[in-house]
């Protein structure tokens, strides 16, 4: 029987990190998490050791990674905010990579994004490219996973799309809505991460799901799944973004950002590659129609405990 290894996951009490940690435990590994979140209840029953994401204490961060064979990095921020920014997230991740190197971590599995580019005018994609380059230049064994949009029970973006379809008779589409995206199920991403954690090959994986949607087609599919088909109208992106900003003010959250709209409309959430996941969003949404979009999922509410 293969000896159990120690693996580390950033944010195992969060979204994708939780699925990765669960997969690792099922595979018989010991798991530690780096997180600043304190969950109301432990989803792992005490089986996951917790250490802080002490970016301001690199030596302590390295010590918490001592003995770890593989680090799975899901740490990131979706948008700039007064409490966190992309530039801070880049700096923090570079500290994490160096701490892993000093601790003797053998391999890093890093979650990135499709179509990162150092030349991108969009900070999100530019920052992701910077981190990929830093990891590739580090000399450490690594796998880089490039998902587009994740979906699952703890999802924010797909859930809130369904939430709006449940509440409004008309849904505004940015422009013509013909730009494409390829959502992947979060547990498929977790399985992919664990599989590549067991390898030693330097690899970049387009972590996309088996279905390619236009944005208009995605909204229509979600509407059918939750039995709330709506009238879809094309609106200028600034107007659609403004409506999203108003909803965000009412909900105390950020619904969507200009970078997200631009990246979506420029086709950056679609690549020409075979699917890496097998779960179809249309089937998953239909199976979860009673829960999907029932409650608004707030990005900022999730991050409040992590920032304290």
Protein backbone atom coordinates (compact mmCIF):
# COMPACT_ATOMS: atom_id res chain seq x y z
CA UNK A 1 0.00 0.00 0.00
CA UNK A 2 1.30 3.44 -0.96
CA UNK A 3 2.41 5.51 2.02
CA UNK A 4 0.21 8.50 2.82
CA UNK A 5 1.75 11.84 1.86
CA UNK A 6 1.22 15.30 3.30
CA UNK A 7 -0.42 17.71 0.87
CA UNK A 8 -1.31 21.38 1.42
CA UNK A 9 -4.29 23.26 -0.01
CA UNK A 10 -4.85 27.00 0.21
CA UNK A 11 -8.40 27.78 1.30
CA UNK A 12 -9.66 24.27 2.05
CA UNK A 13 -12.67 25.79 3.82
CA UNK A 14 -13.54 27.83 0.74
CA UNK A 15 -14.82 26.78 -2.68
CA UNK A 16 -12.47 24.90 -5.02
CA UNK A 17 -10.01 24.26 -2.19
CA UNK A 18 -12.66 22.33 -0.28
CA UNK A 19 -13.19 19.95 -3.20
CA UNK A 20 -9.45 19.43 -3.66
CA UNK A 21 -8.98 18.69 0.05
CA UNK A 22 -11.86 16.22 -0.01
CA UNK A 23 -10.37 14.41 -3.01
CA UNK A 24 -6.99 14.20 -1.28
CA UNK A 25 -8.51 12.76 1.89
CA UNK A 26 -10.40 10.19 -0.16
CA UNK A 27 -7.10 9.22 -1.78
CA UNK A 28 -5.66 8.50 1.67
CA UNK A 29 -3.38 11.53 2.01
CA UNK A 30 -2.83 13.76 5.01
CA UNK A 31 -3.99 17.31 4.33
CA UNK A 32 -3.10 20.69 5.78
CA UNK A 33 -4.66 23.96 4.73
CA UNK A 34 -3.32 27.49 4.65
CA UNK A 35 -6.24 29.80 5.34
CA UNK A 36 -7.31 32.86 7.29
CA UNK A 37 -10.91 31.65 7.40
CA UNK A 38 -12.56 30.12 10.45
CA UNK A 39 -15.60 28.10 9.35
CA UNK A 40 -18.71 27.90 11.52
CA UNK A 41 -18.37 24.12 11.31
CA UNK A 42 -15.48 21.96 10.17
CA UNK A 43 -16.48 20.16 6.93
CA UNK A 44 -13.65 17.66 7.43
CA UNK A 45 -14.28 16.65 11.04
CA UNK A 46 -10.83 17.69 12.22
CA UNK A 47 -8.96 15.72 9.56
CA UNK A 48 -7.43 18.83 7.98
CA UNK A 49 -4.78 20.70 9.94
CA UNK A 50 -4.99 24.49 9.68
CA UNK A 51 -2.23 27.11 9.47
CA UNK A 52 -2.59 30.82 8.67
CA UNK A 53 -1.84 32.30 5.26
CA UNK A 54 0.84 34.44 6.89
CA UNK A 55 2.04 36.36 3.87
CA UNK A 56 3.57 38.97 6.20
CA UNK A 57 5.62 36.24 7.96
CA UNK A 58 7.39 34.28 5.21
CA UNK A 59 9.45 32.20 7.64
CA UNK A 60 6.30 31.05 9.46
CA UNK A 61 4.62 30.36 6.13
CA UNK A 62 7.55 28.20 5.06
CA UNK A 63 7.51 26.34 8.37
CA UNK A 64 3.81 25.53 7.92
CA UNK A 65 4.73 23.91 4.59
CA UNK A 66 7.56 21.80 6.02
CA UNK A 67 7.07 18.14 5.06
CA UNK A 68 4.48 18.91 2.37
CA UNK A 69 4.99 17.10 -0.94
CA UNK A 70 2.43 19.00 -3.07
CA UNK A 71 0.94 22.47 -2.64
CA UNK A 72 -2.39 23.18 -4.37
CA UNK A 73 -2.78 26.91 -4.76
CA UNK A 74 -6.30 28.27 -5.24
CA UNK A 75 -5.60 31.63 -3.56
CA UNK A 76 -6.72 34.66 -5.58
CA UNK A 77 -9.08 37.66 -5.51
CA UNK A 78 -11.80 38.17 -8.10
CA UNK A 79 -11.61 41.97 -8.25
CA UNK A 80 -9.93 45.00 -6.75
CA UNK A 81 -11.47 46.26 -3.53
CA UNK A 82 -10.45 48.56 -0.70
CA UNK A 83 -9.58 45.45 1.36
CA UNK A 84 -7.74 43.52 -1.36
CA UNK A 85 -6.31 44.04 -4.84
CA UNK A 86 -4.90 42.01 -7.70
CA UNK A 87 -1.45 43.49 -7.12
CA UNK A 88 -1.55 42.42 -3.47
CA UNK A 89 -2.68 38.95 -4.50
CA UNK A 90 0.26 38.70 -6.92
CA UNK A 91 2.72 39.77 -4.22
CA UNK A 92 1.21 37.36 -1.71
CA UNK A 93 1.33 34.46 -4.16
CA UNK A 94 4.98 35.12 -4.94
CA UNK A 95 5.68 34.97 -1.20
CA UNK A 96 3.80 31.66 -1.07
CA UNK A 97 5.80 30.20 -3.97
CA UNK A 98 9.08 31.17 -2.32
CA UNK A 99 7.96 29.77 1.04
CA UNK A 100 7.13 26.48 -0.69
CA UNK A 101 10.57 26.39 -2.30
CA UNK A 102 12.32 27.06 1.00
CA UNK A 103 10.22 24.41 2.75
CA UNK A 104 11.24 21.77 0.22
CA UNK A 105 7.79 21.32 -1.32
CA UNK A 106 8.27 19.03 -4.32
CA UNK A 107 5.45 20.24 -6.56
CA UNK A 108 2.93 23.07 -6.95
CA UNK A 109 -0.45 22.73 -8.65
CA UNK A 110 -1.54 26.27 -9.40
CA UNK A 111 -5.01 27.41 -10.49
CA UNK A 112 -4.82 30.15 -13.12
CA UNK A 113 -7.24 31.30 -15.87
CA UNK A 114 -7.65 30.70 -19.60
CA UNK A 115 -5.77 33.04 -21.91
CA UNK A 116 -3.53 34.87 -19.43
CA UNK A 117 -1.25 37.40 -21.10
CA UNK A 118 1.38 39.83 -19.89
CA UNK A 119 0.22 42.14 -22.71
CA UNK A 120 -3.45 42.07 -21.71
CA UNK A 121 -5.06 45.43 -20.89
CA UNK A 122 -7.11 43.56 -18.28
CA UNK A 123 -5.32 43.41 -14.94
CA UNK A 124 -6.88 40.07 -13.97
CA UNK A 125 -5.42 38.25 -16.99
CA UNK A 126 -2.16 40.19 -16.83
CA UNK A 127 -1.65 39.32 -13.16
CA UNK A 128 -2.39 35.65 -13.78
CA UNK A 129 0.23 35.63 -16.54
CA UNK A 130 2.79 37.14 -14.16
CA UNK A 131 2.23 34.35 -11.65
CA UNK A 132 2.47 31.65 -14.30
CA UNK A 133 5.78 33.08 -15.48
CA UNK A 134 7.12 33.25 -11.93
CA UNK A 135 6.19 29.64 -11.23
CA UNK A 136 7.69 28.44 -14.50
CA UNK A 137 10.91 30.33 -13.75
CA UNK A 138 11.14 28.99 -10.19
CA UNK A 139 12.55 25.63 -11.24
CA UNK A 140 9.93 23.83 -9.12
CA UNK A 141 7.92 20.94 -10.48
CA UNK A 142 4.52 22.37 -11.35
CA UNK A 143 1.17 21.98 -13.05
CA UNK A 144 -0.82 25.04 -14.10
CA UNK A 145 -4.58 24.56 -14.47
CA UNK A 146 -6.46 27.11 -16.54
CA UNK A 147 -10.21 26.99 -15.84
CA UNK A 148 -12.79 29.45 -17.15
CA UNK A 149 -15.91 29.63 -14.98
CA UNK A 150 -16.47 27.11 -12.19
CA UNK A 151 -19.89 25.79 -11.25
CA UNK A 152 -21.03 23.82 -8.22
CA UNK A 153 -23.21 24.13 -5.15
CA UNK A 154 -21.05 26.85 -3.56
CA UNK A 155 -20.67 28.79 -6.81
CA UNK A 156 -21.21 32.55 -7.02
CA UNK A 157 -21.36 33.59 -10.69
CA UNK A 158 -23.64 30.85 -12.08
CA UNK A 159 -25.75 30.88 -8.93
CA UNK A 160 -26.30 34.64 -9.10
CA UNK A 161 -27.16 34.44 -12.78
CA UNK A 162 -29.92 31.99 -11.79
CA UNK A 163 -30.89 34.27 -8.89
CA UNK A 164 -31.49 37.15 -11.31
CA UNK A 165 -33.46 34.93 -13.68
CA UNK A 166 -35.73 33.96 -10.80
CA UNK A 167 -36.44 37.59 -9.91
CA UNK A 168 -36.51 39.63 -13.09
CA UNK A 169 -38.78 39.10 -16.13
CA UNK A 170 -36.13 40.46 -18.51
CA UNK A 171 -32.40 39.70 -18.62
CA UNK A 172 -29.92 42.06 -20.27
CA UNK A 173 -27.14 40.52 -22.39
CA UNK A 174 -23.88 42.37 -22.93
CA UNK A 175 -23.87 43.17 -26.65
CA UNK A 176 -24.93 40.32 -28.93
CA UNK A 177 -24.14 37.58 -26.38
CA UNK A 178 -22.41 35.43 -28.99
CA UNK A 179 -19.03 35.29 -27.21
CA UNK A 180 -18.26 31.87 -25.73
CA UNK A 181 -17.30 30.25 -22.43
CA UNK A 182 -16.65 26.70 -21.22
CA UNK A 183 -17.64 26.19 -17.56
CA UNK A 184 -16.10 23.32 -15.60
CA UNK A 185 -17.60 21.55 -12.59
CA UNK A 186 -15.61 22.35 -9.46
CA UNK A 187 -15.17 18.69 -8.51
CA UNK A 188 -13.88 17.91 -12.00
CA UNK A 189 -11.28 20.64 -11.44
CA UNK A 190 -10.43 19.09 -8.07
CA UNK A 191 -9.98 15.65 -9.62
CA UNK A 192 -7.76 17.21 -12.28
CA UNK A 193 -5.66 18.96 -9.62
CA UNK A 194 -5.14 15.79 -7.59
CA UNK A 195 -4.27 13.79 -10.70
CA UNK A 196 -1.62 16.29 -11.73
CA UNK A 197 -0.38 16.53 -8.15
CA UNK A 198 0.66 12.89 -8.47
CA UNK A 199 2.74 13.63 -11.56
CA UNK A 200 6.14 15.29 -11.89
CA UNK A 201 5.69 16.71 -15.39
CA UNK A 202 5.75 20.46 -16.04
CA UNK A 203 2.36 20.97 -17.66
CA UNK A 204 -0.23 23.62 -18.51
CA UNK A 205 -3.78 22.25 -18.69
CA UNK A 206 -6.78 23.96 -20.27
CA UNK A 207 -9.25 23.05 -17.52
CA UNK A 208 -12.50 23.40 -19.43
CA UNK A 209 -15.78 21.53 -19.26
CA UNK A 210 -17.42 19.42 -21.98
CA UNK A 211 -19.92 22.08 -23.10
CA UNK A 212 -19.20 25.32 -24.95
CA UNK A 213 -21.87 27.99 -24.64
CA UNK A 214 -22.40 31.40 -26.07
CA UNK A 215 -23.23 33.69 -23.16
CA UNK A 216 -26.76 34.02 -24.53
CA UNK A 217 -26.99 30.24 -24.77
CA UNK A 218 -25.73 29.85 -21.20
CA UNK A 219 -28.41 32.19 -19.83
CA UNK A 220 -31.06 30.37 -21.85
CA UNK A 221 -29.83 26.99 -20.57
CA UNK A 222 -29.90 28.13 -16.94
CA UNK A 223 -33.37 29.61 -17.43
CA UNK A 224 -34.66 26.31 -18.81
CA UNK A 225 -32.98 24.30 -16.04
CA UNK A 226 -34.62 26.30 -13.23
CA UNK A 227 -37.86 26.63 -15.24
CA UNK A 228 -37.56 30.40 -15.51
CA UNK A 229 -37.14 31.15 -19.22
CA UNK A 230 -36.87 34.91 -19.68
CA UNK A 231 -36.87 37.50 -22.41
CA UNK A 232 -33.24 38.22 -23.27
CA UNK A 233 -32.41 41.64 -24.68
CA UNK A 234 -29.11 42.94 -26.00
CA UNK A 235 -27.94 46.07 -24.22
CA UNK A 236 -24.79 48.20 -24.46
CA UNK A 237 -22.15 46.84 -22.05
CA UNK A 238 -21.94 50.10 -20.02
CA UNK A 239 -25.69 49.96 -19.37
CA UNK A 240 -25.59 46.28 -18.37
CA UNK A 241 -22.62 46.96 -16.12
CA UNK A 242 -24.52 49.88 -14.55
CA UNK A 243 -27.50 47.67 -13.77
CA UNK A 244 -25.12 45.16 -12.19
CA UNK A 245 -23.57 47.95 -10.11
CA UNK A 246 -27.00 48.99 -8.82
CA UNK A 247 -27.83 45.40 -7.84
CA UNK A 248 -24.43 45.23 -6.15
CA UNK A 249 -25.19 48.33 -4.11
CA UNK A 250 -28.52 46.88 -3.02
CA UNK A 251 -26.91 43.56 -2.07
CA UNK A 252 -23.74 45.05 -0.54
CA UNK A 253 -21.58 43.19 -3.04
CA UNK A 254 -19.85 43.38 -6.43
CA UNK A 255 -22.00 41.53 -8.97
CA UNK A 256 -19.67 41.84 -11.96
CA UNK A 257 -16.66 43.92 -12.89
CA UNK A 258 -15.64 45.74 -16.06
CA UNK A 259 -12.69 43.36 -16.47
CA UNK A 260 -15.03 40.37 -16.27
CA UNK A 261 -17.35 41.87 -18.88
CA UNK A 262 -14.43 42.75 -21.16
CA UNK A 263 -12.75 39.36 -20.76
CA UNK A 264 -16.01 37.57 -21.49
CA UNK A 265 -16.81 39.67 -24.57
CA UNK A 266 -13.27 39.33 -25.92
CA UNK A 267 -13.58 35.54 -25.84
CA UNK A 268 -10.95 35.02 -23.16
CA UNK A 269 -13.06 32.38 -21.40
CA UNK A 270 -12.92 30.02 -24.36
CA UNK A 271 -10.02 28.00 -25.78
CA UNK A 272 -9.58 25.48 -28.58
CA UNK A 273 -8.79 22.40 -26.51
CA UNK A 274 -10.35 19.06 -25.56
CA UNK A 275 -12.45 19.10 -22.39
CA UNK A 276 -10.68 18.26 -19.14
CA UNK A 277 -13.91 17.72 -17.20
CA UNK A 278 -16.87 15.45 -17.92
CA UNK A 279 -19.75 16.97 -15.93
CA UNK A 280 -22.21 18.85 -18.13
CA UNK A 281 -23.53 22.12 -16.71
CA UNK A 282 -26.93 21.59 -18.35
CA UNK A 283 -27.39 18.26 -16.56
CA UNK A 284 -26.00 19.52 -13.25
CA UNK A 285 -28.23 22.61 -13.27
CA UNK A 286 -31.32 20.53 -14.02
CA UNK A 287 -30.47 18.16 -11.15
CA UNK A 288 -30.05 21.13 -8.77
CA UNK A 289 -32.86 23.33 -10.08
CA UNK A 290 -34.57 23.52 -6.68
CA UNK A 291 -31.49 25.05 -5.02
CA UNK A 292 -29.79 26.95 -7.83
CA UNK A 293 -30.30 30.70 -7.48
CA UNK A 294 -32.65 30.50 -4.49
CA UNK A 295 -30.36 32.79 -2.50
CA UNK A 296 -27.94 35.46 -3.57
CA UNK A 297 -24.30 34.44 -3.02
CA UNK A 298 -22.15 37.38 -1.90
CA UNK A 299 -18.45 37.46 -2.74
CA UNK A 300 -17.73 40.14 -0.14
CA UNK A 301 -19.68 38.32 2.59
CA UNK A 302 -17.54 35.23 2.02
CA UNK A 303 -14.36 37.25 2.30
CA UNK A 304 -15.18 39.11 5.51
CA UNK A 305 -13.99 36.35 7.88
CA UNK A 306 -10.86 35.84 5.77
CA UNK A 307 -9.86 39.51 6.01
CA UNK A 308 -10.08 39.70 9.78
